């Protein structure tokens, strides 16, 4: 199993969610995050001055999937989240050794 952690633009989340549902992936954990990448934030003009916004709002999506569908899930996230500009996001793939269901104690490896 793999943990796929995707940091994407907030406005692209509905598209990513719909793309994942289309391939049968429904379980996910969502959290709001702030961050910056190589672009080091943005400069906005505000009331005649320049305002540096270096932490931009992002959505963090965490999904645990079986190894067989990992590539498909990553491709769907990339396709739905991409607009082709800096700040589109980043995807991390982390191995998961085992998963336990709290309610039943069922173990999945």
PDB file of N, CA and C in Angstrom:
ATOM      1  N   UNK A   1       0.839  -1.183   0.000  1.00  0.00           N
ATOM      2  CA  UNK A   1       0.000   0.000   0.000  1.00  0.00           C
ATOM      3  C   UNK A   1       0.881   1.242   0.000  1.00  0.00           C
ATOM      4  N   UNK A   2       0.311   2.320  -0.502  1.00  0.00           N
ATOM      5  CA  UNK A   2       1.041   3.585  -0.562  1.00  0.00           C
ATOM      6  C   UNK A   2       0.168   4.710  -0.024  1.00  0.00           C
ATOM      7  N   UNK A   3       0.819   5.654   0.640  1.00  0.00           N
ATOM      8  CA  UNK A   3       0.164   6.895   1.051  1.00  0.00           C
ATOM      9  C   UNK A   3       0.528   7.933   0.005  1.00  0.00           C
ATOM     10  N   UNK A   4      -0.477   8.475  -0.652  1.00  0.00           N
ATOM     11  CA  UNK A   4      -0.254   9.528  -1.633  1.00  0.00           C
ATOM     12  C   UNK A   4      -0.672  10.833  -0.979  1.00  0.00           C
ATOM     13  N   UNK A   5       0.277  11.732  -0.858  1.00  0.00           N
ATOM     14  CA  UNK A   5       0.018  13.042  -0.261  1.00  0.00           C
ATOM     15  C   UNK A   5       0.205  14.088  -1.357  1.00  0.00           C
ATOM     16  N   UNK A   6      -0.871  14.783  -1.674  1.00  0.00           N
ATOM     17  CA  UNK A   6      -0.837  15.778  -2.749  1.00  0.00           C
ATOM     18  C   UNK A   6      -1.113  17.154  -2.169  1.00  0.00           C
ATOM     19  N   UNK A   7      -0.237  18.097  -2.465  1.00  0.00           N
ATOM     20  CA  UNK A   7      -0.430  19.500  -2.103  1.00  0.00           C
ATOM     21  C   UNK A   7      -0.783  20.230  -3.384  1.00  0.00           C
ATOM     22  N   UNK A   8      -1.991  20.766  -3.445  1.00  0.00           N
ATOM     23  CA  UNK A   8      -2.481  21.376  -4.682  1.00  0.00           C
ATOM     24  C   UNK A   8      -3.101  22.741  -4.393  1.00  0.00           C
ATOM     25  N   UNK A   9      -3.400  23.483  -5.460  1.00  0.00           N
ATOM     26  CA  UNK A   9      -4.112  24.757  -5.320  1.00  0.00           C
ATOM     27  C   UNK A   9      -5.522  24.490  -4.788  1.00  0.00           C
ATOM     28  N   UNK A  10      -5.999  25.385  -3.922  1.00  0.00           N
ATOM     29  CA  UNK A  10      -7.340  25.219  -3.338  1.00  0.00           C
ATOM     30  C   UNK A  10      -8.428  25.147  -4.404  1.00  0.00           C
ATOM     31  N   UNK A  11      -8.319  25.988  -5.409  1.00  0.00           N
ATOM     32  CA  UNK A  11      -9.382  26.060  -6.417  1.00  0.00           C
ATOM     33  C   UNK A  11      -9.442  24.827  -7.312  1.00  0.00           C
ATOM     34  N   UNK A  12      -8.400  23.983  -7.304  1.00  0.00           N
ATOM     35  CA  UNK A  12      -8.390  22.774  -8.132  1.00  0.00           C
ATOM     36  C   UNK A  12      -8.932  21.551  -7.394  1.00  0.00           C
ATOM     37  N   UNK A  13      -9.191  21.678  -6.092  1.00  0.00           N
ATOM     38  CA  UNK A  13      -9.655  20.527  -5.309  1.00  0.00           C
ATOM     39  C   UNK A  13     -10.934  19.897  -5.859  1.00  0.00           C
ATOM     40  N   UNK A  14     -11.986  20.661  -6.204  1.00  0.00           N
ATOM     41  CA  UNK A  14     -13.197  20.002  -6.732  1.00  0.00           C
ATOM     42  C   UNK A  14     -12.927  19.158  -7.976  1.00  0.00           C
ATOM     43  N   UNK A  15     -12.009  19.595  -8.829  1.00  0.00           N
ATOM     44  CA  UNK A  15     -11.670  18.849 -10.042  1.00  0.00           C
ATOM     45  C   UNK A  15     -10.925  17.561  -9.701  1.00  0.00           C
ATOM     46  N   UNK A  16     -10.026  17.632  -8.727  1.00  0.00           N
ATOM     47  CA  UNK A  16      -9.274  16.449  -8.297  1.00  0.00           C
ATOM     48  C   UNK A  16     -10.219  15.443  -7.650  1.00  0.00           C
ATOM     49  N   UNK A  17     -11.109  15.921  -6.795  1.00  0.00           N
ATOM     50  CA  UNK A  17     -12.071  15.039  -6.124  1.00  0.00           C
ATOM     51  C   UNK A  17     -12.933  14.305  -7.153  1.00  0.00           C
ATOM     52  N   UNK A  18     -13.422  15.020  -8.137  1.00  0.00           N
ATOM     53  CA  UNK A  18     -14.257  14.416  -9.181  1.00  0.00           C
ATOM     54  C   UNK A  18     -13.467  13.397 -10.006  1.00  0.00           C
ATOM     55  N   UNK A  19     -12.207  13.714 -10.316  1.00  0.00           N
ATOM     56  CA  UNK A  19     -11.358  12.803 -11.090  1.00  0.00           C
ATOM     57  C   UNK A  19     -11.080  11.518 -10.315  1.00  0.00           C
ATOM     58  N   UNK A  20     -10.871  11.624  -9.005  1.00  0.00           N
ATOM     59  CA  UNK A  20     -10.630  10.436  -8.185  1.00  0.00           C
ATOM     60  C   UNK A  20     -11.895   9.593  -8.057  1.00  0.00           C
ATOM     61  N   UNK A  21     -13.032  10.240  -7.912  1.00  0.00           N
ATOM     62  CA  UNK A  21     -14.296   9.500  -7.839  1.00  0.00           C
ATOM     63  C   UNK A  21     -14.557   8.731  -9.131  1.00  0.00           C
ATOM     64  N   UNK A  22     -14.129   9.283 -10.263  1.00  0.00           N
ATOM     65  CA  UNK A  22     -14.329   8.631 -11.560  1.00  0.00           C
ATOM     66  C   UNK A  22     -13.594   7.300 -11.663  1.00  0.00           C
ATOM     67  N   UNK A  23     -12.496   7.142 -10.911  1.00  0.00           N
ATOM     68  CA  UNK A  23     -11.762   5.863 -10.944  1.00  0.00           C
ATOM     69  C   UNK A  23     -12.036   5.017  -9.702  1.00  0.00           C
ATOM     70  N   UNK A  24     -13.032   5.408  -8.895  1.00  0.00           N
ATOM     71  CA  UNK A  24     -13.445   4.606  -7.754  1.00  0.00           C
ATOM     72  C   UNK A  24     -12.684   4.853  -6.471  1.00  0.00           C
ATOM     73  N   UNK A  25     -12.013   5.999  -6.345  1.00  0.00           N
ATOM     74  CA  UNK A  25     -11.299   6.338  -5.112  1.00  0.00           C
ATOM     75  C   UNK A  25     -12.133   7.379  -4.373  1.00  0.00           C
ATOM     76  N   UNK A  26     -12.684   6.983  -3.213  1.00  0.00           N
ATOM     77  CA  UNK A  26     -13.568   7.874  -2.470  1.00  0.00           C
ATOM     78  C   UNK A  26     -12.987   8.304  -1.132  1.00  0.00           C
ATOM     79  N   UNK A  27     -12.200   7.436  -0.478  1.00  0.00           N
ATOM     80  CA  UNK A  27     -11.657   7.744   0.841  1.00  0.00           C
ATOM     81  C   UNK A  27     -10.448   8.646   0.747  1.00  0.00           C
ATOM     82  N   UNK A  28     -10.504   9.744   1.470  1.00  0.00           N
ATOM     83  CA  UNK A  28      -9.377  10.678   1.494  1.00  0.00           C
ATOM     84  C   UNK A  28      -9.467  11.538   2.739  1.00  0.00           C
ATOM     85  N   UNK A  29      -8.335  12.075   3.141  1.00  0.00           N
ATOM     86  CA  UNK A  29      -8.284  13.036   4.232  1.00  0.00           C
ATOM     87  C   UNK A  29      -7.825  14.359   3.644  1.00  0.00           C
ATOM     88  N   UNK A  30      -8.542  15.415   3.988  1.00  0.00           N
ATOM     89  CA  UNK A  30      -8.272  16.738   3.431  1.00  0.00           C
ATOM     90  C   UNK A  30      -7.909  17.688   4.567  1.00  0.00           C
ATOM     91  N   UNK A  31      -6.903  18.509   4.337  1.00  0.00           N
ATOM     92  CA  UNK A  31      -6.584  19.570   5.296  1.00  0.00           C
ATOM     93  C   UNK A  31      -6.108  20.790   4.533  1.00  0.00           C
ATOM     94  N   UNK A  32      -6.293  21.932   5.149  1.00  0.00           N
ATOM     95  CA  UNK A  32      -5.827  23.160   4.522  1.00  0.00           C
ATOM     96  C   UNK A  32      -4.408  23.423   5.007  1.00  0.00           C
ATOM     97  N   UNK A  33      -3.607  23.931   4.102  1.00  0.00           N
ATOM     98  CA  UNK A  33      -2.202  24.188   4.418  1.00  0.00           C
ATOM     99  C   UNK A  33      -1.783  25.502   3.772  1.00  0.00           C
ATOM    100  N   UNK A  34      -0.663  25.994   4.198  1.00  0.00           N
ATOM    101  CA  UNK A  34      -0.041  27.152   3.562  1.00  0.00           C
ATOM    102  C   UNK A  34       1.386  26.767   3.243  1.00  0.00           C
ATOM    103  N   UNK A  35       1.866  27.260   2.129  1.00  0.00           N
ATOM    104  CA  UNK A  35       3.235  26.920   1.777  1.00  0.00           C
ATOM    105  C   UNK A  35       3.722  27.731   0.598  1.00  0.00           C
ATOM    106  N   UNK A  36       4.955  27.469   0.249  1.00  0.00           N
ATOM    107  CA  UNK A  36       5.540  28.114  -0.919  1.00  0.00           C
ATOM    108  C   UNK A  36       6.583  27.174  -1.492  1.00  0.00           C
ATOM    109  N   UNK A  37       6.806  27.345  -2.767  1.00  0.00           N
ATOM    110  CA  UNK A  37       7.797  26.524  -3.441  1.00  0.00           C
ATOM    111  C   UNK A  37       8.900  27.395  -3.993  1.00  0.00           C
ATOM    112  N   UNK A  38       9.375  27.029  -5.160  1.00  0.00           N
ATOM    113  CA  UNK A  38      10.470  27.760  -5.783  1.00  0.00           C
ATOM    114  C   UNK A  38      10.087  29.182  -6.172  1.00  0.00           C
ATOM    115  N   UNK A  39       8.774  29.444  -6.362  1.00  0.00           N
ATOM    116  CA  UNK A  39       8.357  30.784  -6.769  1.00  0.00           C
ATOM    117  C   UNK A  39       8.434  31.780  -5.602  1.00  0.00           C
ATOM    118  N   UNK A  40       8.615  31.300  -4.382  1.00  0.00           N
ATOM    119  CA  UNK A  40       8.783  32.132  -3.190  1.00  0.00           C
ATOM    120  C   UNK A  40       7.620  33.083  -2.958  1.00  0.00           C
ATOM    121  N   UNK A  41       6.408  32.663  -3.267  1.00  0.00           N
ATOM    122  CA  UNK A  41       5.235  33.495  -3.038  1.00  0.00           C
ATOM    123  C   UNK A  41       4.952  34.415  -4.210  1.00  0.00           C
ATOM    124  N   UNK A  42       4.113  35.412  -3.967  1.00  0.00           N
ATOM    125  CA  UNK A  42       3.735  36.362  -5.008  1.00  0.00           C
ATOM    126  C   UNK A  42       3.810  37.784  -4.466  1.00  0.00           C
ATOM    127  N   UNK A  43       3.928  38.734  -5.377  1.00  0.00           N
ATOM    128  CA  UNK A  43       3.889  40.146  -5.004  1.00  0.00           C
ATOM    129  C   UNK A  43       2.587  40.729  -5.513  1.00  0.00           C
ATOM    130  N   UNK A  44       1.836  41.349  -4.623  1.00  0.00           N
ATOM    131  CA  UNK A  44       0.573  41.974  -4.978  1.00  0.00           C
ATOM    132  C   UNK A  44       0.662  43.472  -4.753  1.00  0.00           C
ATOM    133  N   UNK A  45       0.002  44.223  -5.600  1.00  0.00           N
ATOM    134  CA  UNK A  45      -0.056  45.663  -5.391  1.00  0.00           C
ATOM    135  C   UNK A  45      -1.298  45.945  -4.562  1.00  0.00           C
ATOM    136  N   UNK A  46      -1.114  46.610  -3.434  1.00  0.00           N
ATOM    137  CA  UNK A  46      -2.205  46.851  -2.505  1.00  0.00           C
ATOM    138  C   UNK A  46      -2.102  48.267  -1.962  1.00  0.00           C
ATOM    139  N   UNK A  47      -3.099  49.089  -2.229  1.00  0.00           N
ATOM    140  CA  UNK A  47      -3.166  50.474  -1.754  1.00  0.00           C
ATOM    141  C   UNK A  47      -1.906  51.258  -2.075  1.00  0.00           C
ATOM    142  N   UNK A  48      -1.456  51.125  -3.291  1.00  0.00           N
ATOM    143  CA  UNK A  48      -0.308  51.896  -3.744  1.00  0.00           C
ATOM    144  C   UNK A  48       1.039  51.325  -3.367  1.00  0.00           C
ATOM    145  N   UNK A  49       1.078  50.256  -2.618  1.00  0.00           N
ATOM    146  CA  UNK A  49       2.348  49.652  -2.220  1.00  0.00           C
ATOM    147  C   UNK A  49       2.412  48.213  -2.678  1.00  0.00           C
ATOM    148  N   UNK A  50       3.558  47.616  -2.496  1.00  0.00           N
ATOM    149  CA  UNK A  50       3.744  46.213  -2.883  1.00  0.00           C
ATOM    150  C   UNK A  50       3.681  45.365  -1.624  1.00  0.00           C
ATOM    151  N   UNK A  51       2.870  44.338  -1.690  1.00  0.00           N
ATOM    152  CA  UNK A  51       2.680  43.422  -0.578  1.00  0.00           C
ATOM    153  C   UNK A  51       3.242  42.064  -0.984  1.00  0.00           C
ATOM    154  N   UNK A  52       4.178  41.552  -0.226  1.00  0.00           N
ATOM    155  CA  UNK A  52       4.751  40.230  -0.497  1.00  0.00           C
ATOM    156  C   UNK A  52       3.958  39.179   0.270  1.00  0.00           C
ATOM    157  N   UNK A  53       3.351  38.252  -0.460  1.00  0.00           N
ATOM    158  CA  UNK A  53       2.631  37.138   0.151  1.00  0.00           C
ATOM    159  C   UNK A  53       3.486  35.907  -0.112  1.00  0.00           C
ATOM    160  N   UNK A  54       4.187  35.446   0.930  1.00  0.00           N
ATOM    161  CA  UNK A  54       5.117  34.345   0.683  1.00  0.00           C
ATOM    162  C   UNK A  54       4.554  32.982   1.061  1.00  0.00           C
ATOM    163  N   UNK A  55       3.458  32.922   1.802  1.00  0.00           N
ATOM    164  CA  UNK A  55       2.813  31.643   2.085  1.00  0.00           C
ATOM    165  C   UNK A  55       1.450  31.641   1.406  1.00  0.00           C
ATOM    166  N   UNK A  56       1.289  30.741   0.450  1.00  0.00           N
ATOM    167  CA  UNK A  56       0.066  30.687  -0.335  1.00  0.00           C
ATOM    168  C   UNK A  56      -0.833  29.551   0.160  1.00  0.00           C
ATOM    169  N   UNK A  57      -2.159  29.730   0.101  1.00  0.00           N
ATOM    170  CA  UNK A  57      -3.070  28.680   0.561  1.00  0.00           C
ATOM    171  C   UNK A  57      -3.034  27.463  -0.364  1.00  0.00           C
ATOM    172  N   UNK A  58      -3.019  26.291   0.223  1.00  0.00           N
ATOM    173  CA  UNK A  58      -2.997  25.021  -0.512  1.00  0.00           C
ATOM    174  C   UNK A  58      -3.954  24.045   0.160  1.00  0.00           C
ATOM    175  N   UNK A  59      -4.281  22.982  -0.548  1.00  0.00           N
ATOM    176  CA  UNK A  59      -5.040  21.870   0.025  1.00  0.00           C
ATOM    177  C   UNK A  59      -4.110  20.664   0.083  1.00  0.00           C
ATOM    178  N   UNK A  60      -4.163  19.943   1.174  1.00  0.00           N
ATOM    179  CA  UNK A  60      -3.382  18.719   1.324  1.00  0.00           C
ATOM    180  C   UNK A  60      -4.360  17.548   1.288  1.00  0.00           C
ATOM    181  N   UNK A  61      -4.164  16.661   0.325  1.00  0.00           N
ATOM    182  CA  UNK A  61      -5.009  15.480   0.174  1.00  0.00           C
ATOM    183  C   UNK A  61      -4.165  14.256   0.496  1.00  0.00           C
ATOM    184  N   UNK A  62      -4.645  13.422   1.399  1.00  0.00           N
ATOM    185  CA  UNK A  62      -3.947  12.182   1.738  1.00  0.00           C
ATOM    186  C   UNK A  62      -4.848  11.000   1.407  1.00  0.00           C
ATOM    187  N   UNK A  63      -4.299  10.057   0.634  1.00  0.00           N
ATOM    188  CA  UNK A  63      -5.055   8.903   0.179  1.00  0.00           C
ATOM    189  C   UNK A  63      -4.169   7.668   0.337  1.00  0.00           C
ATOM    190  N   UNK A  64      -4.697   6.610   0.934  1.00  0.00           N
ATOM    191  CA  UNK A  64      -3.975   5.341   1.003  1.00  0.00           C
ATOM    192  C   UNK A  64      -4.599   4.418  -0.038  1.00  0.00           C
ATOM    193  N   UNK A  65      -3.762   3.920  -0.949  1.00  0.00           N
ATOM    194  CA  UNK A  65      -4.248   3.073  -2.037  1.00  0.00           C
ATOM    195  C   UNK A  65      -3.390   1.817  -2.160  1.00  0.00           C
ATOM    196  N   UNK A  66      -3.947   0.815  -2.821  1.00  0.00           N
ATOM    197  CA  UNK A  66      -3.190  -0.404  -3.114  1.00  0.00           C
ATOM    198  C   UNK A  66      -2.144  -0.097  -4.187  1.00  0.00           C
ATOM    199  N   UNK A  67      -1.064  -0.843  -4.172  1.00  0.00           N
ATOM    200  CA  UNK A  67       0.041  -0.616  -5.110  1.00  0.00           C
ATOM    201  C   UNK A  67      -0.410  -0.656  -6.568  1.00  0.00           C
ATOM    202  N   UNK A  68      -1.412  -1.492  -6.864  1.00  0.00           N
ATOM    203  CA  UNK A  68      -1.851  -1.666  -8.252  1.00  0.00           C
ATOM    204  C   UNK A  68      -2.443  -0.397  -8.864  1.00  0.00           C
ATOM    205  N   UNK A  69      -3.064   0.450  -8.047  1.00  0.00           N
ATOM    206  CA  UNK A  69      -3.714   1.637  -8.613  1.00  0.00           C
ATOM    207  C   UNK A  69      -2.960   2.935  -8.320  1.00  0.00           C
ATOM    208  N   UNK A  70      -1.815   2.822  -7.703  1.00  0.00           N
ATOM    209  CA  UNK A  70      -1.023   4.010  -7.340  1.00  0.00           C
ATOM    210  C   UNK A  70      -0.759   4.912  -8.544  1.00  0.00           C
ATOM    211  N   UNK A  71      -0.287   4.344  -9.642  1.00  0.00           N
ATOM    212  CA  UNK A  71       0.056   5.135 -10.829  1.00  0.00           C
ATOM    213  C   UNK A  71      -1.165   5.842 -11.391  1.00  0.00           C
ATOM    214  N   UNK A  72      -2.301   5.131 -11.446  1.00  0.00           N
ATOM    215  CA  UNK A  72      -3.530   5.741 -11.965  1.00  0.00           C
ATOM    216  C   UNK A  72      -3.986   6.911 -11.116  1.00  0.00           C
ATOM    217  N   UNK A  73      -3.893   6.751  -9.800  1.00  0.00           N
ATOM    218  CA  UNK A  73      -4.314   7.809  -8.882  1.00  0.00           C
ATOM    219  C   UNK A  73      -3.425   9.046  -9.060  1.00  0.00           C
ATOM    220  N   UNK A  74      -2.120   8.837  -9.126  1.00  0.00           N
ATOM    221  CA  UNK A  74      -1.190   9.957  -9.295  1.00  0.00           C
ATOM    222  C   UNK A  74      -1.441  10.666 -10.628  1.00  0.00           C
ATOM    223  N   UNK A  75      -1.670   9.892 -11.681  1.00  0.00           N
ATOM    224  CA  UNK A  75      -1.952  10.503 -12.993  1.00  0.00           C
ATOM    225  C   UNK A  75      -3.231  11.327 -12.962  1.00  0.00           C
ATOM    226  N   UNK A  76      -4.272  10.813 -12.312  1.00  0.00           N
ATOM    227  CA  UNK A  76      -5.534  11.550 -12.226  1.00  0.00           C
ATOM    228  C   UNK A  76      -5.364  12.852 -11.451  1.00  0.00           C
ATOM    229  N   UNK A  77      -4.613  12.802 -10.347  1.00  0.00           N
ATOM    230  CA  UNK A  77      -4.380  14.018  -9.562  1.00  0.00           C
ATOM    231  C   UNK A  77      -3.622  15.037 -10.401  1.00  0.00           C
ATOM    232  N   UNK A  78      -2.569  14.592 -11.078  1.00  0.00           N
ATOM    233  CA  UNK A  78      -1.773  15.499 -11.921  1.00  0.00           C
ATOM    234  C   UNK A  78      -2.637  16.122 -13.011  1.00  0.00           C
ATOM    235  N   UNK A  79      -3.427  15.309 -13.682  1.00  0.00           N
ATOM    236  CA  UNK A  79      -4.255  15.797 -14.782  1.00  0.00           C
ATOM    237  C   UNK A  79      -5.278  16.829 -14.289  1.00  0.00           C
ATOM    238  N   UNK A  80      -5.897  16.560 -13.142  1.00  0.00           N
ATOM    239  CA  UNK A  80      -6.958  17.440 -12.651  1.00  0.00           C
ATOM    240  C   UNK A  80      -6.421  18.695 -11.956  1.00  0.00           C
ATOM    241  N   UNK A  81      -5.224  18.612 -11.372  1.00  0.00           N
ATOM    242  CA  UNK A  81      -4.692  19.751 -10.614  1.00  0.00           C
ATOM    243  C   UNK A  81      -3.858  20.708 -11.461  1.00  0.00           C
ATOM    244  N   UNK A  82      -3.393  20.258 -12.610  1.00  0.00           N
ATOM    245  CA  UNK A  82      -2.454  21.047 -13.410  1.00  0.00           C
ATOM    246  C   UNK A  82      -3.153  22.189 -14.146  1.00  0.00           C
ATOM    247  N   UNK A  83      -2.575  23.397 -14.006  1.00  0.00           N
ATOM    248  CA  UNK A  83      -2.986  24.510 -14.866  1.00  0.00           C
ATOM    249  C   UNK A  83      -1.804  25.016 -15.679  1.00  0.00           C
ATOM    250  N   UNK A  84      -0.622  24.497 -15.368  1.00  0.00           N
ATOM    251  CA  UNK A  84       0.559  24.820 -16.162  1.00  0.00           C
ATOM    252  C   UNK A  84       1.344  26.025 -15.691  1.00  0.00           C
ATOM    253  N   UNK A  85       1.148  26.426 -14.451  1.00  0.00           N
ATOM    254  CA  UNK A  85       1.874  27.584 -13.914  1.00  0.00           C
ATOM    255  C   UNK A  85       2.590  27.173 -12.635  1.00  0.00           C
ATOM    256  N   UNK A  86       3.633  27.922 -12.243  1.00  0.00           N
ATOM    257  CA  UNK A  86       4.294  27.611 -10.978  1.00  0.00           C
ATOM    258  C   UNK A  86       3.291  27.635  -9.825  1.00  0.00           C
ATOM    259  N   UNK A  87       3.442  26.707  -8.900  1.00  0.00           N
ATOM    260  CA  UNK A  87       2.536  26.632  -7.762  1.00  0.00           C
ATOM    261  C   UNK A  87       1.425  25.620  -7.943  1.00  0.00           C
ATOM    262  N   UNK A  88       1.489  24.805  -9.013  1.00  0.00           N
ATOM    263  CA  UNK A  88       0.459  23.790  -9.235  1.00  0.00           C
ATOM    264  C   UNK A  88       0.442  22.745  -8.128  1.00  0.00           C
ATOM    265  N   UNK A  89       1.570  22.480  -7.515  1.00  0.00           N
ATOM    266  CA  UNK A  89       1.588  21.558  -6.388  1.00  0.00           C
ATOM    267  C   UNK A  89       2.683  20.521  -6.464  1.00  0.00           C
ATOM    268  N   UNK A  90       2.587  19.570  -5.549  1.00  0.00           N
ATOM    269  CA  UNK A  90       3.595  18.517  -5.419  1.00  0.00           C
ATOM    270  C   UNK A  90       2.899  17.271  -4.896  1.00  0.00           C
ATOM    271  N   UNK A  91       3.353  16.103  -5.335  1.00  0.00           N
ATOM    272  CA  UNK A  91       2.791  14.833  -4.870  1.00  0.00           C
ATOM    273  C   UNK A  91       3.918  14.005  -4.257  1.00  0.00           C
ATOM    274  N   UNK A  92       3.657  13.465  -3.068  1.00  0.00           N
ATOM    275  CA  UNK A  92       4.608  12.598  -2.382  1.00  0.00           C
ATOM    276  C   UNK A  92       3.994  11.207  -2.289  1.00  0.00           C
ATOM    277  N   UNK A  93       4.803  10.178  -2.517  1.00  0.00           N
ATOM    278  CA  UNK A  93       4.343   8.793  -2.433  1.00  0.00           C
ATOM    279  C   UNK A  93       5.167   8.102  -1.352  1.00  0.00           C
ATOM    280  N   UNK A  94       4.470   7.602  -0.327  1.00  0.00           N
ATOM    281  CA  UNK A  94       5.129   7.063   0.852  1.00  0.00           C
ATOM    282  C   UNK A  94       4.642   5.630   1.078  1.00  0.00           C
ATOM    283  N   UNK A  95       5.549   4.664   1.289  1.00  0.00           N
ATOM    284  CA  UNK A  95       5.115   3.283   1.549  1.00  0.00           C
ATOM    285  C   UNK A  95       4.371   3.175   2.884  1.00  0.00           C
ATOM    286  N   UNK A  96       3.336   2.341   2.914  1.00  0.00           N
ATOM    287  CA  UNK A  96       2.562   2.067   4.128  1.00  0.00           C
ATOM    288  C   UNK A  96       2.736   0.588   4.443  1.00  0.00           C
ATOM    289  N   UNK A  97       3.249   0.283   5.617  1.00  0.00           N
ATOM    290  CA  UNK A  97       3.512  -1.104   5.982  1.00  0.00           C
ATOM    291  C   UNK A  97       2.248  -1.865   6.338  1.00  0.00           C
ATOM    292  N   UNK A  98       1.358  -1.219   7.093  1.00  0.00           N
ATOM    293  CA  UNK A  98       0.111  -1.885   7.455  1.00  0.00           C
ATOM    294  C   UNK A  98      -0.929  -0.849   7.830  1.00  0.00           C
ATOM    295  N   UNK A  99      -2.181  -1.284   7.746  1.00  0.00           N
ATOM    296  CA  UNK A  99      -3.306  -0.424   8.083  1.00  0.00           C
ATOM    297  C   UNK A  99      -4.234  -1.198   9.003  1.00  0.00           C
ATOM    298  N   UNK A 100      -4.686  -0.558  10.079  1.00  0.00           N
ATOM    299  CA  UNK A 100      -5.609  -1.208  11.026  1.00  0.00           C
ATOM    300  C   UNK A 100      -6.895  -0.412  11.107  1.00  0.00           C
ATOM    301  N   UNK A 101      -8.009  -1.113  10.987  1.00  0.00           N
ATOM    302  CA  UNK A 101      -9.310  -0.478  11.162  1.00  0.00           C
ATOM    303  C   UNK A 101      -9.592  -0.433  12.667  1.00  0.00           C
ATOM    304  N   UNK A 102      -9.850   0.750  13.194  1.00  0.00           N
ATOM    305  CA  UNK A 102     -10.037   0.928  14.633  1.00  0.00           C
ATOM    306  C   UNK A 102     -11.269   0.174  15.130  1.00  0.00           C
ATOM    307  N   UNK A 103     -12.360   0.251  14.401  1.00  0.00           N
ATOM    308  CA  UNK A 103     -13.624  -0.350  14.847  1.00  0.00           C
ATOM    309  C   UNK A 103     -13.541  -1.863  14.986  1.00  0.00           C
ATOM    310  N   UNK A 104     -12.946  -2.537  13.999  1.00  0.00           N
ATOM    311  CA  UNK A 104     -12.949  -4.014  13.980  1.00  0.00           C
ATOM    312  C   UNK A 104     -11.596  -4.629  14.314  1.00  0.00           C
ATOM    313  N   UNK A 105     -10.535  -3.854  14.244  1.00  0.00           N
ATOM    314  CA  UNK A 105      -9.199  -4.403  14.467  1.00  0.00           C
ATOM    315  C   UNK A 105      -8.633  -5.091  13.248  1.00  0.00           C
ATOM    316  N   UNK A 106      -9.358  -5.054  12.136  1.00  0.00           N
ATOM    317  CA  UNK A 106      -8.925  -5.685  10.878  1.00  0.00           C
ATOM    318  C   UNK A 106      -7.594  -5.077  10.422  1.00  0.00           C
ATOM    319  N   UNK A 107      -6.661  -5.962  10.047  1.00  0.00           N
ATOM    320  CA  UNK A 107      -5.336  -5.538   9.615  1.00  0.00           C
ATOM    321  C   UNK A 107      -5.206  -5.777   8.118  1.00  0.00           C
ATOM    322  N   UNK A 108      -4.703  -4.780   7.422  1.00  0.00           N
ATOM    323  CA  UNK A 108      -4.454  -4.924   5.993  1.00  0.00           C
ATOM    324  C   UNK A 108      -2.989  -4.578   5.753  1.00  0.00           C
ATOM    325  N   UNK A 109      -2.280  -5.457   5.068  1.00  0.00           N
ATOM    326  CA  UNK A 109      -0.857  -5.216   4.811  1.00  0.00           C
ATOM    327  C   UNK A 109      -0.582  -5.039   3.354  1.00  0.00           C
TER     328      UNK A 109
END
